[in-house]
N, C-alpha and C. Protein backbone atom coordinates (compact mmCIF):
# COMPACT_ATOMS: atom_id res chain seq x y z
N ALA A 1 6.87 2.19 -16.14
CA ALA A 1 7.59 1.28 -17.02
C ALA A 1 7.00 1.33 -18.42
N LEU A 2 5.66 1.37 -18.51
CA LEU A 2 5.02 1.45 -19.82
C LEU A 2 5.39 2.75 -20.52
N PHE A 3 5.43 3.84 -19.72
CA PHE A 3 5.80 5.14 -20.30
C PHE A 3 7.23 5.10 -20.83
N GLY A 4 8.14 4.48 -20.04
CA GLY A 4 9.53 4.39 -20.48
C GLY A 4 9.67 3.58 -21.75
N ALA A 5 8.93 2.46 -21.85
CA ALA A 5 8.98 1.63 -23.04
C ALA A 5 8.43 2.37 -24.24
N TYR A 6 7.33 3.13 -24.02
CA TYR A 6 6.73 3.88 -25.11
C TYR A 6 7.69 4.95 -25.61
N CYS A 7 8.31 5.65 -24.64
CA CYS A 7 9.22 6.74 -25.02
C CYS A 7 10.40 6.22 -25.82
N SER A 8 10.98 5.08 -25.40
CA SER A 8 12.16 4.57 -26.08
C SER A 8 11.83 4.05 -27.47
N ALA A 9 10.56 3.68 -27.68
CA ALA A 9 10.18 3.11 -28.97
C ALA A 9 9.55 4.13 -29.90
N THR A 10 9.35 5.35 -29.43
CA THR A 10 8.64 6.35 -30.23
C THR A 10 9.62 7.30 -30.90
N PRO A 11 9.60 7.38 -32.25
CA PRO A 11 10.52 8.27 -32.96
C PRO A 11 10.39 9.72 -32.51
N LEU A 12 9.14 10.18 -32.25
CA LEU A 12 8.95 11.56 -31.87
C LEU A 12 9.69 11.87 -30.58
N PHE A 13 9.65 10.94 -29.63
CA PHE A 13 10.33 11.15 -28.36
C PHE A 13 11.83 11.20 -28.56
N ARG A 14 12.33 10.28 -29.41
CA ARG A 14 13.78 10.27 -29.64
C ARG A 14 14.22 11.56 -30.32
N MET A 15 13.37 12.09 -31.20
CA MET A 15 13.72 13.34 -31.87
C MET A 15 13.80 14.48 -30.87
N SER A 16 12.89 14.45 -29.86
CA SER A 16 12.87 15.55 -28.91
C SER A 16 14.13 15.59 -28.06
N HIS A 17 14.88 14.47 -28.02
CA HIS A 17 16.12 14.43 -27.26
C HIS A 17 17.34 14.80 -28.10
N ALA A 18 17.11 15.18 -29.33
CA ALA A 18 18.22 15.59 -30.18
C ALA A 18 18.80 16.89 -29.64
N PRO A 19 20.11 17.14 -29.86
CA PRO A 19 20.73 18.36 -29.35
C PRO A 19 19.98 19.59 -29.86
N THR A 20 19.81 20.59 -29.01
CA THR A 20 19.05 21.77 -29.39
C THR A 20 19.74 22.58 -30.48
N ASP A 21 21.08 22.42 -30.60
CA ASP A 21 21.77 23.22 -31.61
C ASP A 21 21.53 22.69 -33.03
N MET A 22 20.84 21.57 -33.19
CA MET A 22 20.53 21.05 -34.51
C MET A 22 19.58 21.99 -35.25
N SER A 23 18.77 22.74 -34.48
CA SER A 23 17.82 23.65 -35.13
C SER A 23 18.40 25.04 -35.33
N ALA A 24 19.68 25.23 -34.98
CA ALA A 24 20.29 26.56 -35.08
C ALA A 24 20.30 27.05 -36.52
N ALA A 25 20.63 26.14 -37.44
CA ALA A 25 20.69 26.54 -38.85
C ALA A 25 19.32 26.98 -39.36
N ALA A 26 18.30 26.22 -38.94
CA ALA A 26 16.96 26.57 -39.38
C ALA A 26 16.56 27.93 -38.83
N ARG A 27 16.90 28.21 -37.57
CA ARG A 27 16.56 29.50 -36.98
C ARG A 27 17.34 30.62 -37.66
N ALA A 28 18.60 30.32 -37.99
CA ALA A 28 19.41 31.35 -38.65
C ALA A 28 18.83 31.71 -40.01
N ASN A 29 18.26 30.76 -40.68
CA ASN A 29 17.65 31.01 -41.99
C ASN A 29 16.24 31.55 -41.87
N GLY A 30 15.75 31.69 -40.62
CA GLY A 30 14.42 32.24 -40.42
C GLY A 30 13.31 31.23 -40.60
N ALA A 31 13.65 29.96 -40.74
CA ALA A 31 12.63 28.93 -40.94
C ALA A 31 12.09 28.49 -39.59
N PRO A 32 10.78 28.50 -39.40
CA PRO A 32 10.21 28.07 -38.12
C PRO A 32 10.41 26.57 -37.91
N ASN A 33 10.72 26.20 -36.69
CA ASN A 33 10.94 24.80 -36.38
C ASN A 33 9.68 24.25 -35.70
N ASN A 34 8.58 24.24 -36.45
CA ASN A 34 7.29 23.85 -35.88
C ASN A 34 7.28 22.40 -35.46
N ARG A 35 7.98 21.54 -36.20
CA ARG A 35 7.95 20.12 -35.88
C ARG A 35 8.53 19.85 -34.50
N GLN A 36 9.64 20.50 -34.19
CA GLN A 36 10.25 20.30 -32.88
C GLN A 36 9.35 20.84 -31.77
N ASN A 37 8.70 21.98 -32.02
CA ASN A 37 7.79 22.54 -31.02
C ASN A 37 6.64 21.59 -30.73
N ILE A 38 6.11 20.97 -31.79
CA ILE A 38 5.00 20.02 -31.62
C ILE A 38 5.46 18.82 -30.81
N VAL A 39 6.67 18.33 -31.14
CA VAL A 39 7.21 17.18 -30.41
C VAL A 39 7.36 17.51 -28.92
N LEU A 40 7.88 18.70 -28.62
CA LEU A 40 8.08 19.09 -27.23
C LEU A 40 6.75 19.23 -26.50
N ARG A 41 5.74 19.74 -27.19
CA ARG A 41 4.43 19.88 -26.56
C ARG A 41 3.82 18.51 -26.27
N ILE A 42 3.97 17.58 -27.21
CA ILE A 42 3.45 16.23 -27.01
C ILE A 42 4.16 15.56 -25.82
N PHE A 43 5.48 15.73 -25.78
CA PHE A 43 6.25 15.15 -24.68
C PHE A 43 5.81 15.72 -23.34
N ASN A 44 5.61 17.04 -23.27
CA ASN A 44 5.19 17.67 -22.03
C ASN A 44 3.82 17.16 -21.59
N LEU A 45 2.91 16.98 -22.54
CA LEU A 45 1.58 16.46 -22.22
C LEU A 45 1.66 15.03 -21.70
N MET A 46 2.51 14.21 -22.34
CA MET A 46 2.68 12.82 -21.91
C MET A 46 3.26 12.77 -20.50
N LEU A 47 4.26 13.61 -20.25
CA LEU A 47 4.91 13.61 -18.94
C LEU A 47 3.93 14.05 -17.86
N THR A 48 3.14 15.10 -18.15
CA THR A 48 2.14 15.57 -17.19
C THR A 48 1.12 14.50 -16.89
N SER A 49 0.68 13.79 -17.94
CA SER A 49 -0.31 12.72 -17.75
C SER A 49 0.24 11.60 -16.88
N CYS A 50 1.51 11.23 -17.11
CA CYS A 50 2.13 10.17 -16.31
C CYS A 50 2.25 10.57 -14.85
N LEU A 51 2.62 11.82 -14.60
CA LEU A 51 2.74 12.29 -13.23
C LEU A 51 1.39 12.30 -12.53
N MET A 52 0.34 12.68 -13.26
CA MET A 52 -1.01 12.67 -12.68
C MET A 52 -1.45 11.26 -12.33
N VAL A 53 -1.14 10.30 -13.20
CA VAL A 53 -1.50 8.91 -12.94
C VAL A 53 -0.77 8.40 -11.70
N GLU A 54 0.53 8.70 -11.58
CA GLU A 54 1.30 8.27 -10.42
C GLU A 54 0.75 8.86 -9.13
N GLU A 55 0.33 10.13 -9.18
CA GLU A 55 -0.23 10.78 -8.01
C GLU A 55 -1.54 10.11 -7.58
N TRP A 56 -2.39 9.78 -8.57
CA TRP A 56 -3.64 9.11 -8.26
C TRP A 56 -3.39 7.71 -7.69
N LYS A 57 -2.41 7.00 -8.24
CA LYS A 57 -2.07 5.67 -7.72
C LYS A 57 -1.59 5.76 -6.27
N ARG A 58 -0.78 6.79 -5.99
CA ARG A 58 -0.28 6.98 -4.63
C ARG A 58 -1.43 7.24 -3.67
N ARG A 59 -2.37 8.10 -4.07
CA ARG A 59 -3.49 8.44 -3.21
C ARG A 59 -4.41 7.24 -2.96
N LEU A 60 -4.57 6.39 -3.98
CA LEU A 60 -5.44 5.23 -3.83
C LEU A 60 -4.89 4.24 -2.82
N THR A 61 -3.56 4.19 -2.67
CA THR A 61 -2.95 3.24 -1.74
C THR A 61 -2.71 3.85 -0.36
N GLU A 62 -2.97 5.15 -0.19
CA GLU A 62 -2.78 5.78 1.10
C GLU A 62 -3.99 5.57 2.00
N ILE A 63 -3.77 5.72 3.31
CA ILE A 63 -4.79 5.46 4.31
C ILE A 63 -5.13 6.77 5.03
N LYS A 64 -6.41 7.07 5.11
CA LYS A 64 -6.85 8.26 5.84
C LYS A 64 -6.84 8.00 7.34
N ARG A 65 -6.51 9.02 8.09
CA ARG A 65 -6.53 8.91 9.55
C ARG A 65 -6.63 10.30 10.16
N ILE A 66 -6.77 10.36 11.48
CA ILE A 66 -6.70 11.60 12.24
C ILE A 66 -5.53 11.47 13.20
N ALA A 67 -4.71 12.52 13.27
CA ALA A 67 -3.49 12.43 14.08
C ALA A 67 -3.19 13.77 14.74
N ALA A 68 -2.43 13.72 15.84
CA ALA A 68 -1.92 14.91 16.50
C ALA A 68 -0.54 15.19 15.90
N VAL A 69 -0.46 16.26 15.13
CA VAL A 69 0.72 16.53 14.31
C VAL A 69 1.38 17.84 14.72
N LEU A 70 2.69 17.77 14.91
CA LEU A 70 3.50 18.96 15.15
C LEU A 70 4.07 19.36 13.79
N SER A 71 3.62 20.51 13.27
CA SER A 71 3.96 20.89 11.90
C SER A 71 5.30 21.61 11.77
N ALA A 72 5.81 22.12 12.88
CA ALA A 72 7.08 22.86 12.84
C ALA A 72 7.68 22.89 14.23
N PRO A 73 9.00 23.04 14.35
CA PRO A 73 9.62 23.17 15.67
C PRO A 73 8.97 24.30 16.46
N ARG A 74 8.61 24.01 17.70
CA ARG A 74 7.95 24.97 18.58
C ARG A 74 6.63 25.49 17.99
N GLY A 75 6.06 24.73 17.09
CA GLY A 75 4.78 25.11 16.49
C GLY A 75 3.62 24.54 17.28
N ALA A 76 2.43 24.84 16.81
CA ALA A 76 1.22 24.33 17.46
C ALA A 76 1.01 22.86 17.09
N VAL A 77 0.50 22.10 18.04
CA VAL A 77 0.12 20.72 17.77
C VAL A 77 -1.31 20.73 17.25
N GLU A 78 -1.50 20.20 16.06
CA GLU A 78 -2.81 20.22 15.42
C GLU A 78 -3.38 18.81 15.33
N VAL A 79 -4.65 18.68 15.68
CA VAL A 79 -5.35 17.42 15.45
C VAL A 79 -6.02 17.54 14.08
N ARG A 80 -5.54 16.76 13.13
CA ARG A 80 -6.01 16.94 11.76
C ARG A 80 -6.04 15.62 11.00
N GLU A 81 -6.76 15.64 9.90
CA GLU A 81 -6.82 14.47 9.03
C GLU A 81 -5.64 14.51 8.08
N ASP A 82 -4.97 13.39 7.92
CA ASP A 82 -3.90 13.28 6.94
C ASP A 82 -3.90 11.88 6.34
N ARG A 83 -2.89 11.56 5.58
CA ARG A 83 -2.80 10.27 4.91
C ARG A 83 -1.45 9.63 5.19
N ILE A 84 -1.45 8.32 5.33
CA ILE A 84 -0.21 7.58 5.51
C ILE A 84 -0.16 6.44 4.51
N ALA A 85 1.06 6.02 4.20
CA ALA A 85 1.24 4.93 3.26
C ALA A 85 1.02 3.58 3.94
N GLU A 86 0.80 2.56 3.14
CA GLU A 86 0.73 1.20 3.66
C GLU A 86 2.07 0.84 4.30
N PRO A 87 2.06 -0.08 5.27
CA PRO A 87 3.33 -0.44 5.93
C PRO A 87 4.33 -1.04 4.96
N GLY A 88 5.59 -0.61 5.11
CA GLY A 88 6.68 -1.14 4.29
C GLY A 88 7.36 -2.30 5.01
N PRO A 89 8.50 -2.74 4.51
CA PRO A 89 9.24 -3.84 5.15
C PRO A 89 9.55 -3.52 6.61
N GLY A 90 9.25 -4.47 7.49
CA GLY A 90 9.53 -4.28 8.90
C GLY A 90 8.54 -3.41 9.64
N GLU A 91 7.46 -3.01 8.98
CA GLU A 91 6.47 -2.11 9.58
C GLU A 91 5.11 -2.79 9.69
N VAL A 92 4.26 -2.24 10.55
CA VAL A 92 2.88 -2.71 10.67
C VAL A 92 1.94 -1.51 10.76
N LEU A 93 0.70 -1.75 10.38
CA LEU A 93 -0.35 -0.74 10.55
C LEU A 93 -1.14 -1.10 11.80
N VAL A 94 -1.25 -0.15 12.73
CA VAL A 94 -1.95 -0.37 13.99
C VAL A 94 -3.13 0.58 14.09
N ARG A 95 -4.31 0.02 14.43
CA ARG A 95 -5.46 0.86 14.75
C ARG A 95 -5.46 1.09 16.26
N LEU A 96 -5.32 2.34 16.68
CA LEU A 96 -5.13 2.66 18.08
C LEU A 96 -6.44 2.64 18.86
N GLU A 97 -6.35 2.12 20.08
CA GLU A 97 -7.43 2.22 21.06
C GLU A 97 -7.21 3.42 21.97
N ALA A 98 -5.95 3.62 22.36
CA ALA A 98 -5.60 4.69 23.28
C ALA A 98 -4.13 5.03 23.10
N CYS A 99 -3.78 6.27 23.46
CA CYS A 99 -2.37 6.68 23.46
C CYS A 99 -2.17 7.70 24.56
N GLY A 100 -1.24 7.42 25.44
CA GLY A 100 -0.95 8.35 26.53
C GLY A 100 -0.19 9.58 26.02
N ILE A 101 -0.23 10.64 26.79
CA ILE A 101 0.55 11.85 26.50
C ILE A 101 1.61 11.97 27.58
N CYS A 102 2.86 11.99 27.15
CA CYS A 102 4.00 11.98 28.06
C CYS A 102 4.64 13.37 28.12
N HIS A 103 5.38 13.62 29.19
CA HIS A 103 6.13 14.88 29.27
C HIS A 103 7.13 14.99 28.12
N SER A 104 7.59 13.85 27.61
CA SER A 104 8.51 13.87 26.47
C SER A 104 7.85 14.49 25.23
N ASP A 105 6.54 14.30 25.07
CA ASP A 105 5.84 14.92 23.95
C ASP A 105 5.90 16.45 24.06
N VAL A 106 5.73 16.95 25.30
CA VAL A 106 5.83 18.39 25.52
C VAL A 106 7.26 18.86 25.25
N PHE A 107 8.23 18.08 25.68
CA PHE A 107 9.64 18.41 25.45
C PHE A 107 9.95 18.48 23.96
N VAL A 108 9.51 17.44 23.21
CA VAL A 108 9.77 17.40 21.76
C VAL A 108 9.11 18.59 21.06
N ALA A 109 7.89 18.92 21.47
CA ALA A 109 7.16 20.03 20.84
C ALA A 109 7.85 21.37 21.08
N GLY A 110 8.69 21.46 22.12
CA GLY A 110 9.36 22.72 22.42
C GLY A 110 10.77 22.84 21.88
N LEU A 111 11.25 21.81 21.17
CA LEU A 111 12.62 21.85 20.64
C LEU A 111 12.74 22.85 19.48
N GLU A 112 13.94 23.48 19.40
CA GLU A 112 14.18 24.43 18.32
C GLU A 112 14.40 23.72 16.99
N LYS A 113 14.93 22.49 17.04
CA LYS A 113 15.17 21.71 15.82
C LYS A 113 14.60 20.31 16.01
N LEU A 114 14.04 19.77 14.94
CA LEU A 114 13.48 18.42 14.98
C LEU A 114 14.05 17.59 13.84
N PRO A 115 14.27 16.30 14.07
CA PRO A 115 14.79 15.45 13.00
C PRO A 115 13.75 15.13 11.93
N LEU A 116 12.46 15.36 12.26
CA LEU A 116 11.38 15.02 11.33
C LEU A 116 10.21 15.97 11.54
N VAL A 117 9.82 16.68 10.48
CA VAL A 117 8.61 17.52 10.51
C VAL A 117 7.93 17.44 9.14
N PRO A 118 6.59 17.46 9.11
CA PRO A 118 5.69 17.37 10.24
C PRO A 118 5.88 16.04 10.98
N LEU A 119 5.55 16.05 12.27
CA LEU A 119 5.80 14.90 13.12
C LEU A 119 4.53 14.49 13.87
N THR A 120 4.17 13.22 13.79
CA THR A 120 3.09 12.68 14.61
C THR A 120 3.68 12.32 15.97
N LEU A 121 3.14 12.91 17.02
CA LEU A 121 3.66 12.69 18.36
C LEU A 121 3.14 11.37 18.95
N GLY A 122 3.64 11.03 20.13
CA GLY A 122 3.10 9.91 20.88
C GLY A 122 3.93 8.65 20.84
N HIS A 123 4.13 8.04 22.05
CA HIS A 123 4.87 6.78 22.12
C HIS A 123 4.31 5.87 23.21
N GLU A 124 3.04 6.06 23.52
CA GLU A 124 2.38 5.21 24.52
C GLU A 124 1.09 4.66 23.92
N GLY A 125 1.20 4.00 22.79
CA GLY A 125 0.02 3.58 22.05
C GLY A 125 -0.37 2.12 22.27
N ILE A 126 -1.68 1.89 22.36
CA ILE A 126 -2.23 0.54 22.47
C ILE A 126 -3.23 0.35 21.32
N GLY A 127 -3.08 -0.75 20.58
CA GLY A 127 -4.01 -0.98 19.49
C GLY A 127 -3.84 -2.36 18.89
N HIS A 128 -4.56 -2.61 17.82
CA HIS A 128 -4.53 -3.91 17.14
C HIS A 128 -3.87 -3.79 15.77
N VAL A 129 -3.09 -4.77 15.42
CA VAL A 129 -2.41 -4.80 14.12
C VAL A 129 -3.44 -5.08 13.03
N GLU A 130 -3.48 -4.20 12.02
CA GLU A 130 -4.42 -4.38 10.91
C GLU A 130 -3.76 -4.95 9.66
N SER A 131 -2.50 -4.65 9.46
CA SER A 131 -1.76 -5.23 8.33
C SER A 131 -0.28 -5.19 8.65
N VAL A 132 0.48 -6.06 8.00
CA VAL A 132 1.92 -6.14 8.25
C VAL A 132 2.69 -6.01 6.94
N GLY A 133 3.88 -5.44 7.04
CA GLY A 133 4.75 -5.32 5.89
C GLY A 133 5.62 -6.56 5.73
N ALA A 134 6.40 -6.56 4.67
CA ALA A 134 7.27 -7.69 4.37
C ALA A 134 8.29 -7.91 5.48
N GLY A 135 8.53 -9.17 5.81
CA GLY A 135 9.56 -9.52 6.77
C GLY A 135 9.15 -9.47 8.23
N VAL A 136 7.92 -9.08 8.52
CA VAL A 136 7.47 -9.01 9.91
C VAL A 136 7.04 -10.39 10.38
N THR A 137 7.68 -10.89 11.44
CA THR A 137 7.36 -12.23 11.94
C THR A 137 7.00 -12.23 13.43
N ASN A 138 7.28 -11.15 14.14
CA ASN A 138 7.05 -11.15 15.58
C ASN A 138 5.61 -10.83 15.98
N VAL A 139 4.83 -10.23 15.05
CA VAL A 139 3.41 -9.97 15.31
C VAL A 139 2.61 -10.31 14.06
N SER A 140 1.30 -10.51 14.26
CA SER A 140 0.42 -10.87 13.16
C SER A 140 -0.82 -9.98 13.18
N VAL A 141 -1.57 -10.01 12.09
CA VAL A 141 -2.82 -9.26 12.01
C VAL A 141 -3.75 -9.72 13.13
N GLY A 142 -4.32 -8.75 13.84
CA GLY A 142 -5.22 -9.06 14.95
C GLY A 142 -4.56 -8.99 16.31
N ASP A 143 -3.23 -9.05 16.37
CA ASP A 143 -2.54 -8.99 17.66
C ASP A 143 -2.74 -7.63 18.32
N ARG A 144 -2.87 -7.65 19.63
CA ARG A 144 -2.96 -6.40 20.39
C ARG A 144 -1.55 -6.04 20.85
N VAL A 145 -1.12 -4.83 20.50
CA VAL A 145 0.27 -4.46 20.73
C VAL A 145 0.38 -3.10 21.40
N GLY A 146 1.56 -2.87 21.97
CA GLY A 146 1.89 -1.58 22.55
C GLY A 146 3.05 -0.96 21.79
N ILE A 147 2.91 0.33 21.49
CA ILE A 147 3.95 1.07 20.76
C ILE A 147 4.76 1.85 21.79
N THR A 148 6.05 1.59 21.86
CA THR A 148 6.92 2.20 22.86
C THR A 148 7.82 3.28 22.24
N PHE A 149 8.51 4.01 23.12
CA PHE A 149 9.41 5.06 22.65
C PHE A 149 10.53 4.48 21.79
N LEU A 150 11.04 3.31 22.16
CA LEU A 150 12.08 2.66 21.36
C LEU A 150 11.42 1.97 20.16
N ALA A 151 11.58 2.58 19.00
CA ALA A 151 10.92 2.05 17.80
C ALA A 151 11.79 1.02 17.08
N ALA A 152 13.09 1.26 17.01
CA ALA A 152 13.98 0.34 16.29
C ALA A 152 15.43 0.61 16.67
N THR A 153 16.26 -0.41 16.55
CA THR A 153 17.71 -0.28 16.73
C THR A 153 18.41 -1.00 15.60
N CYS A 154 19.73 -0.83 15.52
CA CYS A 154 20.48 -1.44 14.42
C CYS A 154 20.57 -2.95 14.55
N GLY A 155 20.59 -3.47 15.79
CA GLY A 155 20.70 -4.90 16.00
C GLY A 155 22.07 -5.48 15.71
N GLU A 156 23.04 -4.63 15.39
CA GLU A 156 24.36 -5.10 14.97
C GLU A 156 25.49 -4.64 15.87
N CYS A 157 25.32 -3.51 16.54
CA CYS A 157 26.42 -2.98 17.35
C CYS A 157 26.60 -3.81 18.63
N GLU A 158 27.69 -3.54 19.34
CA GLU A 158 27.99 -4.28 20.56
C GLU A 158 26.88 -4.11 21.61
N LEU A 159 26.34 -2.90 21.69
CA LEU A 159 25.28 -2.64 22.66
C LEU A 159 24.04 -3.48 22.37
N CYS A 160 23.66 -3.53 21.12
CA CYS A 160 22.49 -4.33 20.73
C CYS A 160 22.74 -5.81 20.98
N ARG A 161 23.92 -6.27 20.65
CA ARG A 161 24.22 -7.70 20.79
C ARG A 161 24.35 -8.14 22.24
N SER A 162 24.58 -7.17 23.14
CA SER A 162 24.76 -7.51 24.55
C SER A 162 23.52 -7.20 25.38
N GLY A 163 22.39 -6.95 24.71
CA GLY A 163 21.15 -6.70 25.43
C GLY A 163 20.99 -5.29 25.94
N ARG A 164 21.84 -4.38 25.48
CA ARG A 164 21.75 -2.97 25.89
C ARG A 164 21.31 -2.10 24.72
N GLU A 165 20.29 -2.61 24.00
CA GLU A 165 19.85 -1.93 22.77
C GLU A 165 19.30 -0.52 23.01
N ARG A 166 18.88 -0.23 24.23
CA ARG A 166 18.35 1.11 24.50
C ARG A 166 19.44 2.19 24.43
N TYR A 167 20.67 1.77 24.36
CA TYR A 167 21.78 2.73 24.23
C TYR A 167 22.35 2.75 22.80
N CYS A 168 21.71 2.06 21.89
CA CYS A 168 22.17 2.01 20.49
C CYS A 168 22.23 3.42 19.91
N ALA A 169 23.36 3.74 19.31
CA ALA A 169 23.53 5.09 18.74
C ALA A 169 22.67 5.31 17.51
N ARG A 170 22.18 4.24 16.91
CA ARG A 170 21.37 4.37 15.69
C ARG A 170 19.90 4.06 15.94
N GLN A 171 19.49 4.16 17.19
CA GLN A 171 18.10 3.86 17.50
C GLN A 171 17.14 4.89 16.92
N LEU A 172 15.90 4.45 16.68
CA LEU A 172 14.82 5.32 16.24
C LEU A 172 13.78 5.38 17.34
N ASN A 173 13.18 6.56 17.53
CA ASN A 173 12.26 6.76 18.64
C ASN A 173 10.89 7.23 18.14
N SER A 174 9.85 6.55 18.60
CA SER A 174 8.49 6.90 18.21
C SER A 174 8.14 8.31 18.69
N GLY A 175 7.56 9.08 17.81
CA GLY A 175 7.17 10.44 18.16
C GLY A 175 8.32 11.42 18.25
N PHE A 176 9.48 11.02 17.71
CA PHE A 176 10.64 11.91 17.71
C PHE A 176 11.42 11.79 16.40
N THR A 177 12.08 10.66 16.19
CA THR A 177 12.81 10.48 14.93
C THR A 177 11.98 9.72 13.90
N VAL A 178 10.90 9.08 14.33
CA VAL A 178 9.91 8.49 13.42
C VAL A 178 8.53 8.86 13.95
N HIS A 179 7.52 8.74 13.10
CA HIS A 179 6.17 9.12 13.50
C HIS A 179 5.66 8.24 14.63
N GLY A 180 4.89 8.86 15.52
CA GLY A 180 4.41 8.18 16.71
C GLY A 180 2.99 7.67 16.63
N ALA A 181 2.38 7.49 17.80
CA ALA A 181 1.13 6.74 17.92
C ALA A 181 -0.08 7.58 18.30
N LEU A 182 0.08 8.89 18.38
CA LEU A 182 -1.05 9.73 18.78
C LEU A 182 -1.94 9.98 17.57
N ALA A 183 -2.69 8.94 17.20
CA ALA A 183 -3.48 8.96 15.97
C ALA A 183 -4.50 7.83 15.99
N THR A 184 -5.43 7.87 15.07
CA THR A 184 -6.38 6.77 14.95
C THR A 184 -5.72 5.54 14.33
N LEU A 185 -4.79 5.78 13.42
CA LEU A 185 -4.03 4.71 12.76
C LEU A 185 -2.57 5.14 12.71
N ALA A 186 -1.67 4.18 12.85
CA ALA A 186 -0.24 4.50 12.80
C ALA A 186 0.53 3.38 12.11
N VAL A 187 1.45 3.77 11.26
CA VAL A 187 2.39 2.82 10.68
C VAL A 187 3.68 2.92 11.49
N VAL A 188 4.05 1.81 12.13
CA VAL A 188 5.18 1.83 13.06
C VAL A 188 6.10 0.64 12.80
N ARG A 189 7.33 0.75 13.31
CA ARG A 189 8.27 -0.36 13.22
C ARG A 189 7.78 -1.50 14.12
N ALA A 190 7.94 -2.72 13.64
CA ALA A 190 7.47 -3.88 14.39
C ALA A 190 8.49 -4.40 15.40
N GLN A 191 9.73 -3.97 15.29
CA GLN A 191 10.83 -4.59 16.04
C GLN A 191 10.60 -4.67 17.54
N TYR A 192 10.12 -3.58 18.16
CA TYR A 192 9.99 -3.57 19.61
C TYR A 192 8.54 -3.41 20.07
N LEU A 193 7.60 -3.84 19.27
CA LEU A 193 6.21 -3.81 19.72
C LEU A 193 6.02 -4.80 20.87
N ALA A 194 5.28 -4.38 21.87
CA ALA A 194 5.01 -5.24 23.02
C ALA A 194 3.63 -5.89 22.86
N ARG A 195 3.51 -7.13 23.24
CA ARG A 195 2.22 -7.83 23.21
C ARG A 195 1.42 -7.43 24.45
N ILE A 196 0.18 -7.00 24.24
CA ILE A 196 -0.67 -6.52 25.32
C ILE A 196 -1.85 -7.48 25.51
N PRO A 197 -2.07 -7.99 26.73
CA PRO A 197 -3.21 -8.90 26.98
C PRO A 197 -4.54 -8.21 26.67
N ASP A 198 -5.47 -8.96 26.13
CA ASP A 198 -6.78 -8.40 25.78
C ASP A 198 -7.54 -7.91 27.00
N ALA A 199 -7.31 -8.52 28.15
CA ALA A 199 -8.06 -8.17 29.35
C ALA A 199 -7.61 -6.85 29.96
N LEU A 200 -6.46 -6.34 29.54
CA LEU A 200 -5.90 -5.12 30.14
C LEU A 200 -6.54 -3.88 29.50
N ASN A 201 -7.03 -2.98 30.35
CA ASN A 201 -7.64 -1.74 29.88
C ASN A 201 -6.62 -0.90 29.11
N ALA A 202 -7.03 -0.41 27.93
CA ALA A 202 -6.09 0.31 27.05
C ALA A 202 -5.56 1.59 27.70
N ALA A 203 -6.43 2.34 28.35
CA ALA A 203 -6.02 3.59 28.98
C ALA A 203 -5.05 3.35 30.12
N GLU A 204 -5.20 2.22 30.80
CA GLU A 204 -4.30 1.89 31.89
C GLU A 204 -2.98 1.32 31.39
N ALA A 205 -3.04 0.62 30.25
CA ALA A 205 -1.83 -0.01 29.71
C ALA A 205 -0.94 0.99 28.97
N ALA A 206 -1.53 2.03 28.39
CA ALA A 206 -0.77 2.96 27.55
C ALA A 206 0.45 3.56 28.25
N PRO A 207 0.34 4.11 29.47
CA PRO A 207 1.52 4.72 30.10
C PRO A 207 2.65 3.75 30.37
N VAL A 208 2.34 2.45 30.45
CA VAL A 208 3.38 1.45 30.68
C VAL A 208 4.33 1.37 29.49
N CYS A 209 3.87 1.81 28.32
CA CYS A 209 4.70 1.76 27.10
C CYS A 209 5.74 2.87 27.06
N CYS A 210 5.70 3.78 28.01
CA CYS A 210 6.64 4.90 28.00
C CYS A 210 8.08 4.41 28.08
């Protein structure tokens, strides 16, 4: 916003947006158009600086984690460090205790086409909520939750309204159409998170989330 305000208020920037054919006469007469070149160089430097600042801001707000990632259809599953954004509206950040590996993960990894790549696999996750995005009311920070295959539905169609949300045509699925739970940290939809008792062993509870 500051960059936009500066650009709109700066004569040099406004000059750089003048039609390029304005300098045609000067070029035809052999006169160098040094002023326009300087303006364009200044603009390019300003734009590069703004992009660098935005990139640094993005990195500062991202969260480091380790995840099992499928980088391409029928590709190798790699356990690697990557970064995820803070939870957005309707999402939560979960620190995982355990995540089961399902035959569906093997099936997804073998598909010729995927709706999302790179893809974090896993839909049998148990962990604690570390932060919540806007609008989340069903879970709170500190709650122990289970991440299931059904990540979200539209909530508006006849199937959803009649309690048959698992057949919703617009459903999202953890580890398939949205990123899953096979990671140290995961940002997931809060809509269908299950509450998990503290006394229940995480490794034993994880497969129940399938």
